[in-house]
Amino acid sequence: MIQKHKPSKLWSAILLLLTAVLLFTVAACSSGEQLLLAEFNRDFEAEIFLAELGSESGEWQSLAEDAVSTILFDGRYATFVPDTNHILLWYEDGNDLRVEQMEIGDDAPTELFEGDVADRVFGSVSSDPFLIFLTETEDFSEFSCYVSVDGAEAERLAKGSICWVSEHGVVSEERDEDELTLTLYSLDGEEETVILDGVEDVLDTAWNQDLSTFAYVELDRRDAQAYMIEPGDDEATPIGDEFEVIVSVGFMADGETIYIVGKPDEDDDEAGLFINGTGDPILEEESIRYAGRDEEGDYVLFRTLNSRGETLFVYDVNDETAVEVADGDAVSTIGYLSDRLLFSVAEDDDFAVFSAEANGAEPVELFADNDFEVIAIQVDEANGRIYLTLRDEDGLSSLFVSSLDAEDGYILVEEWATISLLNSSDDTAVFAAREDFGDDWILYAIPVEDGADEIELDDDAENGFENAFLTGNGRSLIYTAVGDDISEAEVRQAPLDGEENPETLYKDILLLDVNWEGASNLERLR
């Protein structure tokens, strides 16, 4: 167990960590070296192009015109969908929100979805199989769920008080006063199964990952009872015992074991975590919350909270045991990466980042320094490294790097005005920075070695650098240099050793994405 003792000036950083974690992943592979590019007109509307690296503009394929940027998927305007041969586009066109896709080699994109820019739309992508999920709402009182299968036009499969989409199907929940109707839809829209039909006094619902089993909590005048039901069942089966109060119900990572957080008796001061709703509680505390799981489904994270702080536990699905991993004023889970559990602990003025084995054993302190506030955490999973962007009391930034599984970290770049890590390879980090306040932005590479010196790659960009991608051989960088505004951007290429001046590939063009084998490129975790 880890304990940190001392009022945290870094408390606000905890929320930033969860939203600022980034992951280096391998770019999608296909024949050729391809780019997605944007060219802007005077109204800052973009024309989107697919281009072969090194080709002339007359050879580019136009994918969209008069496109206005909107937030929907990761990035801007368009992306190559990893591990597929598809391009995904999303943009505003007048009052319309358009989502389109194109298989590389086709003549033009096809429309997946058209919506109103005034509505809120949320999207996600699955590569294998190739699925696009869209959820649309006007005022958050009702939601519509759409699914596009293998590039086909997205179909609205469900509409309700709320709905959820996944590669296994769509679940919609419709509440009418005290009655709940829960419905499961297949992705092809041909099967519709009513799981719960107008059931009264339902407090909570849950389902496993493949949507083969559902659970819910029903409240009568005095007690709460959890039930389990499978699609097609006529009646639900009670789960364990009745409770005085059930706070939540859910599934463990194996998709079969059900947990209940609740109080069996009215005299209980604390809630308990019960496996399949019976027996002795695995945990007892004022508040118990689900906090995540590993990819293989062997471990589930729970966080307990009380007036003294928070504690993180790992539940082993196979051994049916919970192990305390860390406690403090605030314990935040970053997630499972490379079979390691990453988390942070704040206690008074102390703040630290840890990794542990998947079961929570043998935690390693990757970073702890009270002189800095952690601004962002980035993970180069392919090379087993974690990068922290730090800020000191004078507002200066530093870049810290460590292995994911060893206490061997060090400051790579120290006390600069601004640092933005753009990419990383097995032996080099790439960042844009200003060494002193008031300096111009400069693009650098630096060997990932303690005491290494930075290498200047490019010093000509009024508003900095973005979208930096390593070439397939890892020897050079292709990136965007931004001028006075986004319409004056340039796509350039520079060798990582800094021995040659950067080459301008395309003027007045913004680089959106690349598609080639071997490049380890930066993508935001969804």
Protein backbone atom coordinates (compact mmCIF):
# COMPACT_ATOMS: atom_id res chain seq x y z
CA MET A 1 0.00 0.00 0.00
CA ILE A 2 1.19 3.52 -0.81
CA GLN A 3 0.57 6.45 1.50
CA LYS A 4 1.50 10.06 0.81
CA HIS A 5 1.31 12.56 3.64
CA LYS A 6 1.26 16.40 3.29
CA PRO A 7 -2.93 20.84 1.24
CA SER A 8 -2.30 20.21 -2.26
CA LYS A 9 -1.44 23.16 -4.45
CA LEU A 10 -1.79 20.59 -7.23
CA TRP A 11 -5.38 19.61 -6.57
CA SER A 12 -6.59 21.26 -9.78
CA ALA A 13 -4.09 19.20 -11.75
CA ILE A 14 -5.90 15.97 -10.95
CA LEU A 15 -8.76 16.70 -13.34
CA LEU A 16 -6.31 17.86 -15.98
CA LEU A 17 -4.54 14.53 -15.86
CA LEU A 18 -7.58 12.57 -16.83
CA THR A 19 -8.30 14.80 -19.81
CA ALA A 20 -4.70 15.35 -20.89
CA VAL A 21 -3.45 11.76 -21.08
CA LEU A 22 -2.24 11.05 -24.60
CA LEU A 23 -1.13 7.90 -26.36
CA PHE A 24 1.38 7.23 -29.11
CA THR A 25 0.02 4.66 -31.57
CA VAL A 26 1.06 3.26 -34.91
CA ALA A 27 -0.42 4.92 -37.97
CA ALA A 28 -2.69 2.93 -40.25
CA CYS A 29 -0.93 0.89 -42.92
CA SER A 30 -1.74 0.86 -46.61
CA SER A 31 0.09 0.99 -49.89
CA GLY A 32 1.89 4.25 -50.66
CA GLU A 33 2.55 7.27 -48.48
CA GLN A 34 -0.58 9.37 -48.30
CA LEU A 35 -1.55 12.67 -46.73
CA LEU A 36 -4.80 14.39 -45.84
CA LEU A 37 -4.48 18.12 -46.47
CA ALA A 38 -6.65 21.24 -46.06
CA GLU A 39 -6.51 24.46 -48.10
CA PHE A 40 -8.42 27.51 -46.84
CA ASN A 41 -10.24 30.32 -48.66
CA ARG A 42 -10.70 33.88 -47.41
CA ASP A 43 -13.70 32.83 -45.30
CA PHE A 44 -11.57 30.17 -43.57
CA GLU A 45 -13.54 27.43 -45.29
CA ALA A 46 -11.42 24.44 -46.26
CA GLU A 47 -11.10 22.18 -49.25
CA ILE A 48 -9.96 18.72 -48.13
CA PHE A 49 -7.56 16.69 -50.29
CA LEU A 50 -6.09 13.20 -50.42
CA ALA A 51 -2.53 13.34 -51.78
CA GLU A 52 0.43 11.07 -52.33
CA LEU A 53 3.55 12.31 -50.56
CA GLY A 54 5.62 14.26 -53.09
CA SER A 55 2.80 14.69 -55.61
CA GLU A 56 1.85 17.97 -57.27
CA SER A 57 -1.41 19.74 -56.32
CA GLY A 58 -2.90 18.93 -59.72
CA GLU A 59 -2.74 15.24 -58.81
CA TRP A 60 -4.60 15.59 -55.52
CA GLN A 61 -8.08 14.14 -55.03
CA SER A 62 -10.61 16.64 -53.67
CA LEU A 63 -12.79 15.13 -50.93
CA ALA A 64 -14.81 18.12 -49.68
CA GLU A 65 -15.23 21.85 -50.34
CA ASP A 66 -16.26 24.84 -48.21
CA ALA A 67 -15.82 22.79 -45.04
CA VAL A 68 -15.98 24.46 -41.63
CA SER A 69 -14.25 22.77 -38.71
CA THR A 70 -16.35 21.15 -35.98
CA ILE A 71 -15.56 18.99 -32.95
CA LEU A 72 -16.78 15.42 -33.40
CA PHE A 73 -13.91 12.94 -33.79
CA ASP A 74 -10.22 13.27 -32.88
CA GLY A 75 -8.45 15.83 -35.04
CA ARG A 76 -9.80 18.28 -37.62
CA TYR A 77 -11.92 17.65 -40.71
CA ALA A 78 -10.64 14.20 -41.70
CA THR A 79 -8.56 11.20 -40.63
CA PHE A 80 -7.33 7.86 -41.90
CA VAL A 81 -9.17 5.21 -39.88
CA PRO A 82 -6.44 3.01 -38.33
CA ASP A 83 -6.14 -0.57 -39.56
CA THR A 84 -8.64 0.00 -42.39
CA ASN A 85 -8.59 1.33 -45.94
CA HIS A 86 -11.07 4.10 -45.10
CA ILE A 87 -11.00 7.86 -44.66
CA LEU A 88 -13.49 9.55 -42.31
CA LEU A 89 -14.56 13.18 -42.83
CA TRP A 90 -16.67 15.45 -40.62
CA TYR A 91 -17.40 19.15 -41.09
CA GLU A 92 -20.04 21.85 -41.14
CA ASP A 93 -21.53 22.92 -44.49
CA GLY A 94 -23.83 25.88 -43.93
CA ASN A 95 -26.46 24.72 -41.45
CA ASP A 96 -25.65 21.07 -42.02
CA LEU A 97 -23.27 18.78 -40.15
CA ARG A 98 -21.84 16.20 -42.54
CA VAL A 99 -20.12 12.92 -41.78
CA GLU A 100 -18.70 11.07 -44.79
CA GLN A 101 -16.39 8.16 -45.52
CA MET A 102 -14.38 6.97 -48.48
CA GLU A 103 -12.53 3.77 -49.17
CA ILE A 104 -9.13 4.71 -50.58
CA GLY A 105 -9.31 4.24 -54.34
CA ASP A 106 -12.95 5.32 -54.65
CA ASP A 107 -13.88 8.34 -56.77
CA ALA A 108 -15.54 10.33 -54.00
CA PRO A 109 -16.74 10.08 -50.38
CA THR A 110 -20.20 8.81 -49.55
CA GLU A 111 -22.48 10.38 -46.97
CA LEU A 112 -22.91 8.58 -43.66
CA PHE A 113 -24.89 11.18 -41.75
CA GLU A 114 -26.39 14.65 -42.18
CA GLY A 115 -27.49 16.60 -39.13
CA ASP A 116 -28.24 20.11 -37.93
CA VAL A 117 -25.27 22.16 -36.68
CA ALA A 118 -27.49 23.44 -33.85
CA ASP A 119 -27.81 19.91 -32.40
CA ARG A 120 -25.19 18.16 -30.30
CA VAL A 121 -23.66 15.10 -31.96
CA PHE A 122 -21.14 12.72 -30.40
CA GLY A 123 -19.16 10.21 -32.43
CA SER A 124 -16.79 7.26 -32.06
CA VAL A 125 -15.12 4.79 -34.42
CA SER A 126 -14.38 1.07 -34.36
CA SER A 127 -11.73 -0.23 -36.77
CA ASP A 128 -12.42 -3.98 -36.63
CA PRO A 129 -15.16 -4.20 -37.71
CA PHE A 130 -15.38 -0.77 -39.34
CA LEU A 131 -18.24 0.94 -37.51
CA ILE A 132 -19.19 4.57 -36.96
CA PHE A 133 -21.33 5.37 -33.92
CA LEU A 134 -23.24 8.67 -33.66
CA THR A 135 -25.48 9.96 -30.89
CA GLU A 136 -27.61 13.04 -31.58
CA THR A 137 -29.58 15.23 -29.20
CA GLU A 138 -31.26 18.63 -29.43
CA ASP A 139 -31.54 19.53 -25.74
CA PHE A 140 -30.34 16.40 -23.85
CA SER A 141 -33.92 15.37 -23.05
CA GLU A 142 -33.99 12.78 -25.84
CA PHE A 143 -31.27 11.02 -27.83
CA SER A 144 -31.06 9.24 -31.18
CA CYS A 145 -28.40 6.61 -31.86
CA TYR A 146 -27.06 5.92 -35.37
CA VAL A 147 -24.70 3.23 -36.63
CA SER A 148 -22.83 2.98 -39.94
CA VAL A 149 -21.68 -0.57 -40.75
CA ASP A 150 -18.71 -1.02 -43.11
CA GLY A 151 -19.11 2.39 -44.73
CA ALA A 152 -22.87 2.24 -45.34
CA GLU A 153 -25.15 5.17 -44.57
CA ALA A 154 -25.76 5.46 -40.84
CA GLU A 155 -29.15 4.18 -39.73
CA ARG A 156 -31.04 5.44 -36.72
CA LEU A 157 -31.52 2.30 -34.66
CA ALA A 158 -32.81 3.74 -31.41
CA LYS A 159 -34.44 6.80 -29.92
CA GLY A 160 -35.10 7.31 -26.23
CA SER A 161 -34.41 9.15 -23.03
CA ILE A 162 -30.86 7.97 -23.58
CA CYS A 163 -29.14 5.37 -25.75
CA TRP A 164 -25.75 3.67 -25.96
CA VAL A 165 -23.95 2.22 -28.97
CA SER A 166 -21.20 -0.41 -29.21
CA GLU A 167 -19.87 -2.98 -31.65
CA HIS A 168 -22.30 -5.52 -30.14
CA GLY A 169 -25.51 -3.53 -30.52
CA VAL A 170 -27.52 -0.52 -29.39
CA VAL A 171 -29.32 -0.15 -26.07
CA SER A 172 -32.05 2.46 -25.56
CA GLU A 173 -33.72 3.46 -22.34
CA GLU A 174 -37.14 5.12 -22.34
CA ARG A 175 -38.65 6.39 -19.09
CA ASP A 176 -42.34 7.25 -18.78
CA GLU A 177 -42.89 8.60 -15.28
CA ASP A 178 -42.04 5.60 -13.03
CA GLU A 179 -41.88 3.01 -15.83
CA LEU A 180 -38.73 1.96 -17.68
CA THR A 181 -38.51 0.26 -21.07
CA LEU A 182 -35.09 -1.09 -22.06
CA THR A 183 -34.58 -2.27 -25.66
CA LEU A 184 -31.68 -3.97 -27.47
CA TYR A 185 -31.15 -3.46 -31.22
CA SER A 186 -28.81 -5.36 -33.52
CA LEU A 187 -26.39 -3.28 -35.59
CA ASP A 188 -28.11 -4.23 -38.86
CA GLY A 189 -31.42 -3.01 -37.44
CA GLU A 190 -33.16 -6.31 -38.14
CA GLU A 191 -33.52 -7.47 -34.52
CA GLU A 192 -35.26 -5.57 -31.75
CA THR A 193 -35.50 -7.20 -28.34
CA VAL A 194 -37.39 -5.63 -25.45
CA ILE A 195 -35.43 -6.43 -22.29
CA LEU A 196 -37.67 -4.57 -19.82
CA ASP A 197 -41.18 -3.53 -20.79
CA GLY A 198 -42.63 -0.78 -18.61
CA VAL A 199 -41.08 -2.00 -15.36
CA GLU A 200 -41.82 0.29 -12.45
CA ASP A 201 -39.43 1.75 -9.89
CA VAL A 202 -36.17 0.78 -11.61
CA LEU A 203 -33.26 2.66 -10.00
CA ASP A 204 -30.25 1.44 -11.95
CA THR A 205 -29.39 -0.66 -15.00
CA ALA A 206 -26.24 -2.33 -16.30
CA TRP A 207 -25.14 -4.82 -18.95
CA ASN A 208 -22.03 -6.74 -19.84
CA GLN A 209 -19.77 -5.84 -22.73
CA ASP A 210 -21.26 -8.21 -25.32
CA LEU A 211 -24.86 -7.31 -24.30
CA SER A 212 -25.68 -10.93 -23.50
CA THR A 213 -26.80 -10.23 -19.92
CA PHE A 214 -28.54 -7.29 -18.29
CA ALA A 215 -28.99 -6.34 -14.66
CA TYR A 216 -31.26 -3.84 -12.95
CA VAL A 217 -32.35 -2.68 -9.49
CA GLU A 218 -36.02 -2.55 -8.53
CA LEU A 219 -37.25 -0.69 -5.47
CA ASP A 220 -40.37 -1.53 -3.49
CA ARG A 221 -41.68 0.26 -0.42
CA ARG A 222 -39.00 -0.99 1.93
CA ASP A 223 -36.29 -2.91 0.10
CA ALA A 224 -34.23 -2.93 -3.09
CA GLN A 225 -33.63 -6.07 -5.15
CA ALA A 226 -31.23 -6.59 -8.07
CA TYR A 227 -32.29 -8.80 -11.00
CA MET A 228 -30.55 -10.43 -13.95
CA ILE A 229 -32.15 -11.06 -17.34
CA GLU A 230 -30.93 -12.22 -20.75
CA PRO A 231 -32.41 -11.14 -24.10
CA GLY A 232 -35.40 -13.34 -24.83
CA ASP A 233 -36.10 -14.26 -21.20
CA ASP A 234 -39.71 -13.92 -20.07
CA GLU A 235 -38.79 -13.29 -16.45
CA ALA A 236 -35.83 -11.87 -14.59
CA THR A 237 -33.89 -13.80 -11.94
CA PRO A 238 -33.18 -12.20 -8.54
CA ILE A 239 -29.51 -11.59 -7.80
CA GLY A 240 -28.56 -12.46 -4.25
CA ASP A 241 -30.33 -10.95 -1.29
CA GLU A 242 -32.63 -8.01 -0.76
CA PHE A 243 -30.95 -4.79 0.37
CA GLU A 244 -32.13 -1.83 2.37
CA VAL A 245 -30.35 0.40 -0.18
CA ILE A 246 -28.63 -0.41 -3.49
CA VAL A 247 -26.39 2.37 -4.75
CA SER A 248 -25.26 0.72 -7.99
CA VAL A 249 -25.10 -2.57 -9.87
CA GLY A 250 -22.61 -3.59 -12.55
CA PHE A 251 -20.63 -6.35 -14.19
CA MET A 252 -17.11 -7.45 -13.45
CA ALA A 253 -14.62 -7.65 -16.31
CA ASP A 254 -15.46 -11.32 -17.06
CA GLY A 255 -18.97 -10.29 -18.15
CA GLU A 256 -20.56 -12.89 -15.86
CA THR A 257 -19.91 -11.83 -12.28
CA ILE A 258 -22.20 -9.08 -11.00
CA TYR A 259 -21.30 -6.65 -8.24
CA ILE A 260 -23.68 -4.69 -6.04
CA VAL A 261 -22.81 -1.63 -3.96
CA GLY A 262 -25.35 -1.21 -1.20
CA LYS A 263 -26.43 -1.51 2.42
CA PRO A 264 -28.13 -4.79 3.40
CA ASP A 265 -29.66 -3.37 6.61
CA GLU A 266 -30.97 0.01 7.70
CA ASP A 267 -28.50 0.03 10.59
CA ASP A 268 -25.47 -0.13 8.25
CA ASP A 269 -23.41 3.06 8.33
CA GLU A 270 -21.29 2.11 5.31
CA ALA A 271 -21.99 0.67 1.90
CA GLY A 272 -20.51 -2.67 0.95
CA LEU A 273 -19.27 -4.19 -2.30
CA PHE A 274 -20.98 -7.57 -2.73
CA ILE A 275 -20.19 -10.17 -5.36
CA ASN A 276 -23.41 -11.50 -6.93
CA GLY A 277 -25.32 -9.72 -4.19
CA THR A 278 -24.63 -12.12 -1.38
CA GLY A 279 -22.10 -13.16 1.26
CA ASP A 280 -19.72 -10.88 3.10
CA PRO A 281 -18.76 -7.57 1.50
CA ILE A 282 -15.43 -7.40 -0.31
CA LEU A 283 -15.11 -3.71 0.63
CA GLU A 284 -16.94 -1.43 3.07
CA GLU A 285 -16.82 2.37 2.97
CA GLU A 286 -18.99 5.52 2.89
CA SER A 287 -18.84 5.53 -0.93
CA ILE A 288 -17.62 2.88 -3.40
CA ARG A 289 -17.27 3.63 -7.13
CA TYR A 290 -16.28 1.62 -10.18
CA ALA A 291 -13.04 3.05 -11.63
CA GLY A 292 -12.15 0.94 -14.69
CA ARG A 293 -10.82 -2.45 -15.81
CA ASP A 294 -7.96 -4.04 -17.70
CA GLU A 295 -8.25 -5.05 -21.36
CA GLU A 296 -8.08 -8.79 -20.70
CA GLY A 297 -10.91 -8.69 -18.17
CA ASP A 298 -8.99 -10.09 -15.22
CA TYR A 299 -9.00 -7.01 -12.98
CA VAL A 300 -11.52 -4.35 -11.99
CA LEU A 301 -10.72 -1.06 -10.24
CA PHE A 302 -12.80 0.38 -7.41
CA ARG A 303 -12.31 3.67 -5.61
CA THR A 304 -13.61 4.25 -2.08
CA LEU A 305 -14.25 7.72 -0.66
CA ASN A 306 -14.77 9.05 2.83
CA SER A 307 -14.17 12.29 4.74
CA ARG A 308 -10.48 11.40 5.09
CA GLY A 309 -9.78 10.83 1.40
CA GLU A 310 -9.80 8.16 -1.29
CA THR A 311 -8.42 4.63 -1.67
CA LEU A 312 -7.83 2.63 -4.86
CA PHE A 313 -8.45 -1.13 -4.93
CA VAL A 314 -7.89 -3.79 -7.59
CA TYR A 315 -10.36 -6.69 -7.60
CA ASP A 316 -9.01 -9.95 -9.03
CA VAL A 317 -11.87 -11.62 -10.90
CA ASN A 318 -10.21 -15.04 -10.79
CA ASP A 319 -9.10 -15.00 -7.13
CA GLU A 320 -12.17 -13.05 -5.98
CA THR A 321 -10.01 -10.80 -3.80
CA ALA A 322 -9.56 -7.02 -3.56
CA VAL A 323 -6.13 -5.52 -2.92
CA GLU A 324 -5.55 -1.99 -1.67
CA VAL A 325 -3.12 -0.21 -4.00
CA ALA A 326 -2.96 3.42 -2.83
CA ASP A 327 -4.67 6.05 -0.68
CA GLY A 328 -4.54 9.83 -0.31
CA ASP A 329 -6.60 13.01 -0.50
CA ALA A 330 -7.23 12.17 -4.16
CA VAL A 331 -6.40 9.01 -6.11
CA SER A 332 -6.93 9.20 -9.88
CA THR A 333 -6.69 6.27 -12.26
CA ILE A 334 -4.97 7.05 -15.55
CA GLY A 335 -5.69 3.58 -16.90
CA TYR A 336 -4.12 0.32 -18.03
CA LEU A 337 -1.34 0.71 -20.61
CA SER A 338 1.14 -1.97 -21.71
CA ASP A 339 -0.22 -4.30 -19.01
CA ARG A 340 0.64 -1.68 -16.37
CA LEU A 341 -1.78 0.18 -14.12
CA LEU A 342 -1.07 3.94 -14.06
CA PHE A 343 -2.46 6.17 -11.33
CA SER A 344 -1.71 9.35 -9.39
CA VAL A 345 -1.91 10.17 -5.69
CA ALA A 346 -2.29 13.62 -4.10
CA GLU A 347 -1.87 14.17 -0.37
CA ASP A 348 -1.56 17.71 1.00
CA ASP A 349 1.36 19.27 -0.90
CA ASP A 350 2.58 15.92 -2.26
CA PHE A 351 1.70 14.65 -5.71
CA ALA A 352 3.07 11.53 -7.38
CA VAL A 353 2.49 9.35 -10.45
CA PHE A 354 2.81 5.57 -10.10
CA SER A 355 2.63 2.43 -12.18
CA ALA A 356 2.00 -1.07 -10.91
CA GLU A 357 1.51 -4.56 -12.22
CA ALA A 358 -1.98 -5.24 -13.57
CA ASN A 359 -3.06 -6.74 -10.23
CA GLY A 360 -1.82 -3.68 -8.34
CA ALA A 361 1.32 -5.37 -7.01
CA GLU A 362 4.79 -3.83 -6.82
CA PRO A 363 3.92 -0.17 -7.44
CA VAL A 364 6.72 2.01 -8.80
CA GLU A 365 6.92 5.76 -8.15
CA LEU A 366 7.53 7.26 -11.58
CA PHE A 367 7.43 10.91 -10.53
CA ALA A 368 7.22 12.91 -7.29
CA ASP A 369 8.38 16.52 -6.98
CA ASN A 370 6.54 19.20 -5.04
CA ASP A 371 8.27 22.00 -6.94
CA PHE A 372 6.16 21.31 -10.05
CA GLU A 373 2.54 21.18 -11.13
CA VAL A 374 1.77 18.42 -13.62
CA ILE A 375 0.14 19.97 -16.69
CA ALA A 376 -0.13 16.93 -18.97
CA ILE A 377 0.70 13.23 -19.03
CA GLN A 378 1.62 11.60 -22.34
CA VAL A 379 2.45 7.95 -22.88
CA ASP A 380 4.63 6.46 -25.61
CA GLU A 381 3.23 2.98 -25.21
CA ALA A 382 5.19 1.50 -28.12
CA ASN A 383 8.47 2.37 -26.40
CA GLY A 384 7.35 1.95 -22.80
CA ARG A 385 7.77 5.58 -21.72
CA ILE A 386 5.75 8.24 -19.95
CA TYR A 387 6.25 11.99 -20.48
CA LEU A 388 5.08 14.65 -18.01
CA THR A 389 4.85 18.33 -18.87
CA LEU A 390 5.55 20.27 -15.66
CA ARG A 391 5.16 23.89 -14.55
CA ASP A 392 6.95 25.55 -11.63
CA GLU A 393 5.92 28.51 -9.44
CA ASP A 394 7.52 30.95 -11.89
CA GLY A 395 5.36 29.62 -14.74
CA LEU A 396 8.28 27.88 -16.47
CA SER A 397 7.77 24.49 -18.12
CA SER A 398 9.87 21.33 -18.01
CA LEU A 399 9.59 17.96 -19.76
CA PHE A 400 10.09 14.83 -17.65
CA VAL A 401 10.48 11.30 -19.02
CA SER A 402 10.51 7.88 -17.36
CA SER A 403 10.11 4.22 -18.19
CA LEU A 404 6.63 2.86 -17.47
CA ASP A 405 7.93 0.15 -15.16
CA ALA A 406 11.02 1.60 -13.46
CA GLU A 407 11.99 4.52 -11.26
CA ASP A 408 14.51 5.89 -13.76
CA GLY A 409 12.99 9.23 -14.74
CA TYR A 410 14.75 12.54 -15.35
CA ILE A 411 14.15 16.07 -16.63
CA LEU A 412 14.70 16.05 -20.40
CA VAL A 413 14.05 19.77 -21.00
CA GLU A 414 14.22 22.13 -18.01
CA GLU A 415 12.65 25.53 -17.24
CA TRP A 416 11.56 26.84 -20.62
CA ALA A 417 8.73 29.35 -21.15
CA THR A 418 6.49 26.92 -23.07
CA ILE A 419 6.88 23.28 -24.12
CA SER A 420 4.51 21.22 -26.27
CA LEU A 421 5.49 17.58 -26.89
CA LEU A 422 4.41 16.62 -30.41
CA ASN A 423 5.79 13.12 -30.99
CA SER A 424 8.25 10.48 -29.87
CA SER A 425 10.17 7.53 -31.27
CA ASP A 426 12.34 4.86 -29.67
CA ASP A 427 15.26 7.29 -29.27
CA THR A 428 13.96 10.82 -29.99
CA ALA A 429 11.32 13.23 -28.69
CA VAL A 430 9.97 16.07 -30.83
CA PHE A 431 8.59 19.24 -29.25
CA ALA A 432 7.67 22.83 -30.06
CA ALA A 433 8.82 25.41 -27.53
CA ARG A 434 9.74 28.93 -26.56
CA GLU A 435 12.81 29.06 -24.36
CA ASP A 436 12.01 32.52 -22.96
CA PHE A 437 8.76 34.46 -22.74
CA GLY A 438 8.44 36.61 -25.84
CA ASP A 439 10.56 34.27 -27.98
CA ASP A 440 9.31 32.88 -31.27
CA TRP A 441 8.21 29.24 -31.47
CA ILE A 442 10.94 26.77 -32.48
CA LEU A 443 10.62 23.11 -33.41
CA TYR A 444 13.14 20.80 -31.71
CA ALA A 445 14.20 17.17 -31.56
CA ILE A 446 16.09 15.77 -28.58
CA PRO A 447 17.63 12.34 -27.92
CA VAL A 448 15.82 10.58 -25.07
CA GLU A 449 18.91 10.50 -22.86
CA ASP A 450 19.66 12.15 -19.54
CA GLY A 451 21.70 15.30 -20.20
CA ALA A 452 21.02 15.34 -23.96
CA ASP A 453 21.02 18.61 -25.91
CA GLU A 454 18.09 19.71 -28.02
CA ILE A 455 18.44 19.96 -31.83
CA GLU A 456 16.81 22.90 -33.59
CA LEU A 457 14.77 21.78 -36.63
CA ASP A 458 12.75 24.86 -37.63
CA ASP A 459 12.51 28.45 -36.34
CA ASP A 460 10.07 29.98 -38.81
CA ALA A 461 6.45 29.77 -37.64
CA GLU A 462 4.52 32.77 -36.34
CA ASN A 463 2.00 30.71 -34.37
CA GLY A 464 3.86 27.49 -33.71
CA PHE A 465 3.89 23.95 -35.03
CA GLU A 466 1.33 21.14 -35.00
CA ASN A 467 0.43 17.74 -36.46
CA ALA A 468 4.00 16.41 -36.48
CA PHE A 469 4.40 12.89 -37.93
CA LEU A 470 7.52 10.76 -38.16
CA THR A 471 8.24 9.37 -41.60
CA GLY A 472 8.18 5.62 -42.07
CA ASN A 473 11.97 5.28 -41.70
CA GLY A 474 11.92 7.44 -38.56
CA ARG A 475 14.63 9.77 -39.85
CA SER A 476 12.60 12.89 -40.55
CA LEU A 477 9.47 14.73 -39.54
CA ILE A 478 6.54 16.02 -41.62
CA TYR A 479 4.55 18.74 -39.88
CA THR A 480 2.55 21.96 -40.11
CA ALA A 481 4.13 25.37 -39.48
CA VAL A 482 1.40 27.93 -38.75
CA GLY A 483 1.77 31.52 -40.02
CA ASP A 484 -0.28 34.57 -39.03
CA ASP A 485 -3.38 32.36 -39.16
CA ILE A 486 -4.33 28.84 -40.20
CA SER A 487 -4.76 29.86 -43.85
CA GLU A 488 -1.04 30.69 -44.02
CA ALA A 489 0.15 27.30 -42.82
CA GLU A 490 2.88 25.32 -44.58
CA VAL A 491 3.56 21.59 -44.68
CA ARG A 492 7.28 21.03 -44.18
CA GLN A 493 9.74 18.17 -43.81
CA ALA A 494 12.87 18.27 -41.67
CA PRO A 495 15.51 15.63 -40.82
CA LEU A 496 15.62 14.79 -37.12
CA ASP A 497 19.39 15.26 -36.95
CA GLY A 498 19.04 18.95 -37.87
CA GLU A 499 21.80 18.67 -40.47
CA GLU A 500 19.64 20.15 -43.24
CA ASN A 501 17.21 23.05 -43.39
CA PRO A 502 13.51 22.17 -43.45
CA GLU A 503 11.93 21.75 -46.88
CA THR A 504 8.57 23.32 -47.67
CA LEU A 505 6.41 20.65 -49.27
CA TYR A 506 3.19 22.65 -49.66
CA LYS A 507 2.44 26.35 -49.08
CA ASP A 508 -0.85 27.62 -47.62
CA ILE A 509 -1.80 24.05 -46.70
CA LEU A 510 -2.61 22.41 -43.36
CA LEU A 511 -1.54 18.80 -42.72
CA LEU A 512 -4.39 16.78 -41.17
CA ASP A 513 -3.16 13.17 -41.08
CA VAL A 514 -0.73 10.72 -42.65
CA ASN A 515 -1.06 7.11 -43.75
CA TRP A 516 2.06 4.98 -43.96
CA GLU A 517 3.74 2.07 -42.29
CA GLY A 518 6.14 2.36 -39.41
CA ALA A 519 5.45 5.86 -38.06
CA SER A 520 4.62 6.11 -34.37
CA ASN A 521 2.23 9.03 -34.25
CA LEU A 522 0.36 10.92 -31.59
CA GLU A 523 -3.34 10.31 -31.10
CA ARG A 524 -5.56 11.47 -28.29
CA LEU A 525 -7.21 8.83 -26.14
CA ARG A 526 -10.99 8.83 -26.67
